[in-house]
């Protein structure tokens, strides 16, 4: 039984790497790994960034007060960090809704997905340039919205582009690569933070740009053509 299943898996992998599907398979798997890596690296970095902004605000507030004032300021800043994290999480909800509409626009799946991915990288660039607390909040919320849009289209495109015979294997490997990248991302973010705080943002930006390029290079547009 195990040998039979292994033979089936090998046969499906051979179909996924057939000449007419090889490029799509490689690009889709790269997209899932890169998107997960870049997105998770930023999510690992964001709490640290919010914490640092809170520490900066509390130090300036406590410089003119006594010990009780300092404790109060730190507490207020911590609640602000939680508020900003909550708003960031909520910002992804409209992104998923917009994604359900974007897949059927004239841009199609590929270019809507690529545009959202490049937009996510731009949001990270804005985030890296801002110094104010409101700037951090707005740019992180925009990233949450656009990245949710990106993920919504990635999830809709992937099962469409694979035929039923190989869909389970193609999507399963893509999901597995995404999980592996999600495990690696916090470790890589930790190493980069120890070297330079802003390097995490630049690395996430670069990874998302590469993912966007992979999306543009996809040979099949499922909004206009039937899946293979």
C-alpha atoms as a PDB file:
ATOM      1  CA  UNK A   1       0.000   0.000   0.000  1.00  0.00           C
ATOM      2  CA  UNK A   2       2.753   2.444   0.969  1.00  0.00           C
ATOM      3  CA  UNK A   3       4.699   1.555  -2.164  1.00  0.00           C
ATOM      4  CA  UNK A   4       1.604   2.153  -4.299  1.00  0.00           C
ATOM      5  CA  UNK A   5       1.038   5.597  -2.769  1.00  0.00           C
ATOM      6  CA  UNK A   6       4.680   6.476  -3.301  1.00  0.00           C
ATOM      7  CA  UNK A   7       4.404   5.481  -6.949  1.00  0.00           C
ATOM      8  CA  UNK A   8       1.297   7.672  -7.316  1.00  0.00           C
ATOM      9  CA  UNK A   9       3.077  10.635  -5.741  1.00  0.00           C
ATOM     10  CA  UNK A  10       6.078  10.224  -8.028  1.00  0.00           C
ATOM     11  CA  UNK A  11       3.763   9.998 -11.039  1.00  0.00           C
ATOM     12  CA  UNK A  12       1.996  13.224 -10.016  1.00  0.00           C
ATOM     13  CA  UNK A  13       5.308  15.009  -9.487  1.00  0.00           C
ATOM     14  CA  UNK A  14       6.373  13.908 -12.951  1.00  0.00           C
ATOM     15  CA  UNK A  15       3.173  15.440 -14.345  1.00  0.00           C
ATOM     16  CA  UNK A  16       3.817  18.673 -12.434  1.00  0.00           C
ATOM     17  CA  UNK A  17       7.251  18.893 -14.061  1.00  0.00           C
ATOM     18  CA  UNK A  18       6.056  18.000 -17.543  1.00  0.00           C
ATOM     19  CA  UNK A  19       7.286  20.522 -20.157  1.00  0.00           C
ATOM     20  CA  UNK A  20       3.926  22.317 -20.394  1.00  0.00           C
ATOM     21  CA  UNK A  21       3.596  22.753 -16.613  1.00  0.00           C
ATOM     22  CA  UNK A  22       7.167  22.873 -15.303  1.00  0.00           C
ATOM     23  CA  UNK A  23       7.515  26.663 -15.322  1.00  0.00           C
ATOM     24  CA  UNK A  24       4.152  27.175 -13.649  1.00  0.00           C
ATOM     25  CA  UNK A  25       4.915  24.613 -10.952  1.00  0.00           C
ATOM     26  CA  UNK A  26       8.285  26.113 -10.077  1.00  0.00           C
ATOM     27  CA  UNK A  27       6.972  29.676 -10.041  1.00  0.00           C
ATOM     28  CA  UNK A  28       3.893  28.851  -7.960  1.00  0.00           C
ATOM     29  CA  UNK A  29       5.973  27.004  -5.380  1.00  0.00           C
ATOM     30  CA  UNK A  30       8.471  29.866  -5.270  1.00  0.00           C
ATOM     31  CA  UNK A  31       5.646  32.349  -4.810  1.00  0.00           C
ATOM     32  CA  UNK A  32       4.193  30.489  -1.850  1.00  0.00           C
ATOM     33  CA  UNK A  33       7.604  30.184  -0.156  1.00  0.00           C
ATOM     34  CA  UNK A  34       8.659  33.791  -0.820  1.00  0.00           C
ATOM     35  CA  UNK A  35       5.336  35.354   0.165  1.00  0.00           C
ATOM     36  CA  UNK A  36       5.291  33.410   3.423  1.00  0.00           C
ATOM     37  CA  UNK A  37       8.923  34.280   4.131  1.00  0.00           C
ATOM     38  CA  UNK A  38       8.538  38.015   3.514  1.00  0.00           C
ATOM     39  CA  UNK A  39       5.163  38.312   5.252  1.00  0.00           C
ATOM     40  CA  UNK A  40       6.172  36.327   8.338  1.00  0.00           C
ATOM     41  CA  UNK A  41       9.463  38.183   8.683  1.00  0.00           C
ATOM     42  CA  UNK A  42       7.576  41.471   8.920  1.00  0.00           C
ATOM     43  CA  UNK A  43       5.090  40.012  11.385  1.00  0.00           C
ATOM     44  CA  UNK A  44       8.002  38.834  13.537  1.00  0.00           C
ATOM     45  CA  UNK A  45       9.527  42.310  13.326  1.00  0.00           C
ATOM     46  CA  UNK A  46       6.385  44.399  13.959  1.00  0.00           C
ATOM     47  CA  UNK A  47       5.986  43.749  17.731  1.00  0.00           C
ATOM     48  CA  UNK A  48       9.600  44.799  18.274  1.00  0.00           C
ATOM     49  CA  UNK A  49       9.067  47.973  16.276  1.00  0.00           C
ATOM     50  CA  UNK A  50       5.894  48.847  18.182  1.00  0.00           C
ATOM     51  CA  UNK A  51       7.674  48.138  21.446  1.00  0.00           C
ATOM     52  CA  UNK A  52      10.510  50.486  20.521  1.00  0.00           C
ATOM     53  CA  UNK A  53       8.084  53.263  19.646  1.00  0.00           C
ATOM     54  CA  UNK A  54       6.367  52.711  22.981  1.00  0.00           C
ATOM     55  CA  UNK A  55       9.674  52.877  24.834  1.00  0.00           C
ATOM     56  CA  UNK A  56      10.547  56.111  23.067  1.00  0.00           C
ATOM     57  CA  UNK A  57       7.251  57.669  24.071  1.00  0.00           C
ATOM     58  CA  UNK A  58       7.462  56.471  27.662  1.00  0.00           C
ATOM     59  CA  UNK A  59      11.019  57.780  28.127  1.00  0.00           C
ATOM     60  CA  UNK A  60      10.001  61.232  26.916  1.00  0.00           C
ATOM     61  CA  UNK A  61       6.875  61.220  29.093  1.00  0.00           C
ATOM     62  CA  UNK A  62       8.641  60.027  32.232  1.00  0.00           C
ATOM     63  CA  UNK A  63      11.519  62.490  31.999  1.00  0.00           C
ATOM     64  CA  UNK A  64       9.423  65.206  33.661  1.00  0.00           C
ATOM     65  CA  UNK A  65       7.567  63.042  36.181  1.00  0.00           C
ATOM     66  CA  UNK A  66       8.131  60.902  39.280  1.00  0.00           C
ATOM     67  CA  UNK A  67       8.253  57.111  39.563  1.00  0.00           C
ATOM     68  CA  UNK A  68       4.465  56.729  39.542  1.00  0.00           C
ATOM     69  CA  UNK A  69       4.211  58.850  36.413  1.00  0.00           C
ATOM     70  CA  UNK A  70       6.776  56.667  34.686  1.00  0.00           C
ATOM     71  CA  UNK A  71       4.832  53.493  35.530  1.00  0.00           C
ATOM     72  CA  UNK A  72       1.627  55.044  34.235  1.00  0.00           C
ATOM     73  CA  UNK A  73       3.311  56.159  31.005  1.00  0.00           C
ATOM     74  CA  UNK A  74       4.725  52.715  30.357  1.00  0.00           C
ATOM     75  CA  UNK A  75       1.312  51.154  30.973  1.00  0.00           C
ATOM     76  CA  UNK A  76      -0.368  53.574  28.603  1.00  0.00           C
ATOM     77  CA  UNK A  77       2.239  52.907  25.927  1.00  0.00           C
ATOM     78  CA  UNK A  78       1.776  49.169  26.302  1.00  0.00           C
ATOM     79  CA  UNK A  79      -1.954  49.482  25.744  1.00  0.00           C
ATOM     80  CA  UNK A  80      -1.163  51.582  22.675  1.00  0.00           C
ATOM     81  CA  UNK A  81       1.052  48.798  21.348  1.00  0.00           C
ATOM     82  CA  UNK A  82      -1.808  46.325  21.799  1.00  0.00           C
ATOM     83  CA  UNK A  83      -4.189  48.753  20.072  1.00  0.00           C
ATOM     84  CA  UNK A  84      -1.860  49.152  17.092  1.00  0.00           C
ATOM     85  CA  UNK A  85      -1.408  45.377  16.834  1.00  0.00           C
ATOM     86  CA  UNK A  86      -5.193  44.901  16.901  1.00  0.00           C
ATOM     87  CA  UNK A  87      -5.749  47.509  14.189  1.00  0.00           C
ATOM     88  CA  UNK A  88      -3.058  45.848  12.080  1.00  0.00           C
ATOM     89  CA  UNK A  89      -4.835  42.504  12.402  1.00  0.00           C
ATOM     90  CA  UNK A  90      -8.235  44.014  11.574  1.00  0.00           C
ATOM     91  CA  UNK A  91      -6.852  45.781   8.503  1.00  0.00           C
ATOM     92  CA  UNK A  92      -6.553  42.440   6.714  1.00  0.00           C
ATOM     93  CA  UNK A  93     -10.330  41.876   6.680  1.00  0.00           C
ATOM     94  CA  UNK A  94     -11.164  44.397   3.927  1.00  0.00           C
ATOM     95  CA  UNK A  95      -8.106  43.191   2.011  1.00  0.00           C
ATOM     96  CA  UNK A  96      -9.587  39.698   1.675  1.00  0.00           C
ATOM     97  CA  UNK A  97     -12.918  41.161   0.565  1.00  0.00           C
ATOM     98  CA  UNK A  98     -11.241  43.369  -2.044  1.00  0.00           C
ATOM     99  CA  UNK A  99      -9.312  40.314  -3.246  1.00  0.00           C
ATOM    100  CA  UNK A 100     -12.568  38.504  -4.073  1.00  0.00           C
ATOM    101  CA  UNK A 101     -13.420  41.405  -6.368  1.00  0.00           C
ATOM    102  CA  UNK A 102      -9.930  42.005  -7.803  1.00  0.00           C
ATOM    103  CA  UNK A 103      -9.592  38.507  -9.273  1.00  0.00           C
ATOM    104  CA  UNK A 104     -12.301  39.280 -11.825  1.00  0.00           C
ATOM    105  CA  UNK A 105     -11.060  42.698 -12.931  1.00  0.00           C
ATOM    106  CA  UNK A 106      -9.353  43.403 -16.242  1.00  0.00           C
ATOM    107  CA  UNK A 107      -5.987  42.815 -14.542  1.00  0.00           C
ATOM    108  CA  UNK A 108      -6.805  39.152 -14.020  1.00  0.00           C
ATOM    109  CA  UNK A 109      -5.349  36.899 -11.344  1.00  0.00           C
ATOM    110  CA  UNK A 110      -1.676  37.252 -12.199  1.00  0.00           C
ATOM    111  CA  UNK A 111      -1.396  41.012 -12.413  1.00  0.00           C
ATOM    112  CA  UNK A 112      -3.767  41.679  -9.513  1.00  0.00           C
ATOM    113  CA  UNK A 113      -1.655  39.331  -7.422  1.00  0.00           C
ATOM    114  CA  UNK A 114       1.596  40.949  -8.573  1.00  0.00           C
ATOM    115  CA  UNK A 115       0.245  44.471  -8.028  1.00  0.00           C
ATOM    116  CA  UNK A 116      -0.790  43.592  -4.482  1.00  0.00           C
ATOM    117  CA  UNK A 117       2.622  42.063  -3.804  1.00  0.00           C
ATOM    118  CA  UNK A 118       4.510  45.079  -5.118  1.00  0.00           C
ATOM    119  CA  UNK A 119       2.103  47.254  -3.123  1.00  0.00           C
ATOM    120  CA  UNK A 120       2.998  45.283   0.013  1.00  0.00           C
ATOM    121  CA  UNK A 121       6.691  45.989  -0.627  1.00  0.00           C
ATOM    122  CA  UNK A 122       5.931  49.702  -1.077  1.00  0.00           C
ATOM    123  CA  UNK A 123       4.039  49.743   2.237  1.00  0.00           C
ATOM    124  CA  UNK A 124       7.108  48.264   3.913  1.00  0.00           C
ATOM    125  CA  UNK A 125       9.270  50.970   2.355  1.00  0.00           C
ATOM    126  CA  UNK A 126       6.921  53.650   3.728  1.00  0.00           C
ATOM    127  CA  UNK A 127       6.987  51.896   7.096  1.00  0.00           C
ATOM    128  CA  UNK A 128      10.798  51.974   7.100  1.00  0.00           C
ATOM    129  CA  UNK A 129      10.832  55.728   6.386  1.00  0.00           C
ATOM    130  CA  UNK A 130       8.276  56.895   8.937  1.00  0.00           C
ATOM    131  CA  UNK A 131       9.231  58.104  12.401  1.00  0.00           C
ATOM    132  CA  UNK A 132       5.876  59.048  13.930  1.00  0.00           C
ATOM    133  CA  UNK A 133       3.595  56.675  15.807  1.00  0.00           C
ATOM    134  CA  UNK A 134       0.716  57.481  13.467  1.00  0.00           C
ATOM    135  CA  UNK A 135       2.936  56.836  10.470  1.00  0.00           C
ATOM    136  CA  UNK A 136       3.831  53.425  11.858  1.00  0.00           C
ATOM    137  CA  UNK A 137       0.162  52.673  12.499  1.00  0.00           C
ATOM    138  CA  UNK A 138      -1.073  53.763   9.065  1.00  0.00           C
ATOM    139  CA  UNK A 139       1.725  52.117   7.061  1.00  0.00           C
ATOM    140  CA  UNK A 140       1.439  48.837   8.976  1.00  0.00           C
ATOM    141  CA  UNK A 141      -2.348  48.852   8.527  1.00  0.00           C
ATOM    142  CA  UNK A 142      -1.924  49.467   4.811  1.00  0.00           C
ATOM    143  CA  UNK A 143       0.514  46.552   4.650  1.00  0.00           C
ATOM    144  CA  UNK A 144      -2.016  44.382   6.465  1.00  0.00           C
ATOM    145  CA  UNK A 145      -4.721  45.314   3.959  1.00  0.00           C
ATOM    146  CA  UNK A 146      -2.617  44.884   0.800  1.00  0.00           C
ATOM    147  CA  UNK A 147      -0.915  41.691   1.979  1.00  0.00           C
ATOM    148  CA  UNK A 148      -4.321  40.146   2.768  1.00  0.00           C
ATOM    149  CA  UNK A 149      -5.363  41.086  -0.773  1.00  0.00           C
ATOM    150  CA  UNK A 150      -2.205  39.409  -2.062  1.00  0.00           C
ATOM    151  CA  UNK A 151      -2.843  36.216  -0.111  1.00  0.00           C
ATOM    152  CA  UNK A 152      -6.499  36.083  -1.196  1.00  0.00           C
ATOM    153  CA  UNK A 153      -5.483  36.041  -4.859  1.00  0.00           C
ATOM    154  CA  UNK A 154      -2.632  33.575  -4.316  1.00  0.00           C
ATOM    155  CA  UNK A 155      -5.105  31.194  -2.668  1.00  0.00           C
ATOM    156  CA  UNK A 156      -7.598  31.570  -5.507  1.00  0.00           C
ATOM    157  CA  UNK A 157      -5.051  31.239  -8.326  1.00  0.00           C
ATOM    158  CA  UNK A 158      -3.169  28.160  -7.145  1.00  0.00           C
ATOM    159  CA  UNK A 159      -5.944  25.516  -7.257  1.00  0.00           C
ATOM    160  CA  UNK A 160      -7.188  26.943 -10.556  1.00  0.00           C
ATOM    161  CA  UNK A 161      -3.884  26.602 -12.376  1.00  0.00           C
ATOM    162  CA  UNK A 162      -3.417  22.885 -11.591  1.00  0.00           C
ATOM    163  CA  UNK A 163      -5.564  20.217 -13.228  1.00  0.00           C
ATOM    164  CA  UNK A 164      -7.617  17.929 -10.954  1.00  0.00           C
ATOM    165  CA  UNK A 165      -5.150  15.079 -11.486  1.00  0.00           C
ATOM    166  CA  UNK A 166      -2.278  16.984  -9.864  1.00  0.00           C
ATOM    167  CA  UNK A 167      -4.120  19.677  -7.893  1.00  0.00           C
ATOM    168  CA  UNK A 168      -3.767  17.950  -4.536  1.00  0.00           C
ATOM    169  CA  UNK A 169      -0.025  17.401  -4.926  1.00  0.00           C
ATOM    170  CA  UNK A 170       0.643  20.832  -6.429  1.00  0.00           C
ATOM    171  CA  UNK A 171      -1.282  22.694  -3.739  1.00  0.00           C
ATOM    172  CA  UNK A 172       0.007  20.424  -0.983  1.00  0.00           C
ATOM    173  CA  UNK A 173       3.667  21.013  -1.840  1.00  0.00           C
ATOM    174  CA  UNK A 174       3.001  24.750  -2.146  1.00  0.00           C
ATOM    175  CA  UNK A 175       1.406  24.788   1.312  1.00  0.00           C
ATOM    176  CA  UNK A 176       4.273  22.749   2.766  1.00  0.00           C
ATOM    177  CA  UNK A 177       6.861  25.141   1.352  1.00  0.00           C
ATOM    178  CA  UNK A 178       4.878  28.032   2.817  1.00  0.00           C
ATOM    179  CA  UNK A 179       4.948  26.412   6.264  1.00  0.00           C
ATOM    180  CA  UNK A 180       8.677  25.719   6.063  1.00  0.00           C
ATOM    181  CA  UNK A 181       9.308  29.349   5.058  1.00  0.00           C
ATOM    182  CA  UNK A 182       7.097  30.462   7.932  1.00  0.00           C
ATOM    183  CA  UNK A 183       9.285  28.491  10.342  1.00  0.00           C
ATOM    184  CA  UNK A 184      12.503  29.911   8.908  1.00  0.00           C
ATOM    185  CA  UNK A 185      11.251  33.520   8.809  1.00  0.00           C
ATOM    186  CA  UNK A 186      11.332  34.301  12.582  1.00  0.00           C
ATOM    187  CA  UNK A 187      14.792  32.756  12.888  1.00  0.00           C
ATOM    188  CA  UNK A 188      16.066  34.833   9.979  1.00  0.00           C
ATOM    189  CA  UNK A 189      14.355  37.953  11.342  1.00  0.00           C
ATOM    190  CA  UNK A 190      16.028  37.418  14.711  1.00  0.00           C
ATOM    191  CA  UNK A 191      19.457  37.197  13.095  1.00  0.00           C
ATOM    192  CA  UNK A 192      18.820  40.336  11.032  1.00  0.00           C
ATOM    193  CA  UNK A 193      17.482  42.314  14.008  1.00  0.00           C
ATOM    194  CA  UNK A 194      20.678  41.507  15.924  1.00  0.00           C
ATOM    195  CA  UNK A 195      22.650  42.945  13.009  1.00  0.00           C
ATOM    196  CA  UNK A 196      20.444  45.900  12.064  1.00  0.00           C
ATOM    197  CA  UNK A 197      16.826  46.627  12.951  1.00  0.00           C
ATOM    198  CA  UNK A 198      15.869  48.071   9.571  1.00  0.00           C
ATOM    199  CA  UNK A 199      17.517  45.205   7.681  1.00  0.00           C
ATOM    200  CA  UNK A 200      14.460  43.033   8.402  1.00  0.00           C
ATOM    201  CA  UNK A 201      12.277  45.494   6.521  1.00  0.00           C
ATOM    202  CA  UNK A 202      14.646  45.687   3.577  1.00  0.00           C
ATOM    203  CA  UNK A 203      14.916  41.897   3.417  1.00  0.00           C
ATOM    204  CA  UNK A 204      11.110  41.530   3.501  1.00  0.00           C
ATOM    205  CA  UNK A 205      10.784  44.164   0.777  1.00  0.00           C
ATOM    206  CA  UNK A 206      13.316  42.421  -1.456  1.00  0.00           C
ATOM    207  CA  UNK A 207      11.667  39.028  -0.961  1.00  0.00           C
ATOM    208  CA  UNK A 208       8.220  40.392  -1.834  1.00  0.00           C
ATOM    209  CA  UNK A 209       9.577  42.134  -4.933  1.00  0.00           C
ATOM    210  CA  UNK A 210      11.060  38.822  -6.125  1.00  0.00           C
ATOM    211  CA  UNK A 211       7.710  37.128  -5.424  1.00  0.00           C
ATOM    212  CA  UNK A 212       5.954  39.814  -7.470  1.00  0.00           C
ATOM    213  CA  UNK A 213       8.338  39.230 -10.375  1.00  0.00           C
ATOM    214  CA  UNK A 214       7.579  35.496 -10.200  1.00  0.00           C
ATOM    215  CA  UNK A 215       3.864  36.330 -10.445  1.00  0.00           C
ATOM    216  CA  UNK A 216       4.386  38.458 -13.543  1.00  0.00           C
ATOM    217  CA  UNK A 217       6.344  35.584 -15.134  1.00  0.00           C
ATOM    218  CA  UNK A 218       3.522  33.058 -14.623  1.00  0.00           C
ATOM    219  CA  UNK A 219       2.556  31.773 -18.087  1.00  0.00           C
ATOM    220  CA  UNK A 220      -1.103  30.975 -17.345  1.00  0.00           C
ATOM    221  CA  UNK A 221      -3.874  33.470 -16.581  1.00  0.00           C
ATOM    222  CA  UNK A 222      -6.715  31.474 -15.062  1.00  0.00           C
ATOM    223  CA  UNK A 223      -9.191  34.344 -15.260  1.00  0.00           C
ATOM    224  CA  UNK A 224      -9.120  34.164 -19.061  1.00  0.00           C
ATOM    225  CA  UNK A 225      -8.285  30.546 -19.757  1.00  0.00           C
ATOM    226  CA  UNK A 226      -9.389  27.258 -18.299  1.00  0.00           C
ATOM    227  CA  UNK A 227      -6.984  25.522 -15.965  1.00  0.00           C
ATOM    228  CA  UNK A 228      -4.821  22.847 -17.526  1.00  0.00           C
END
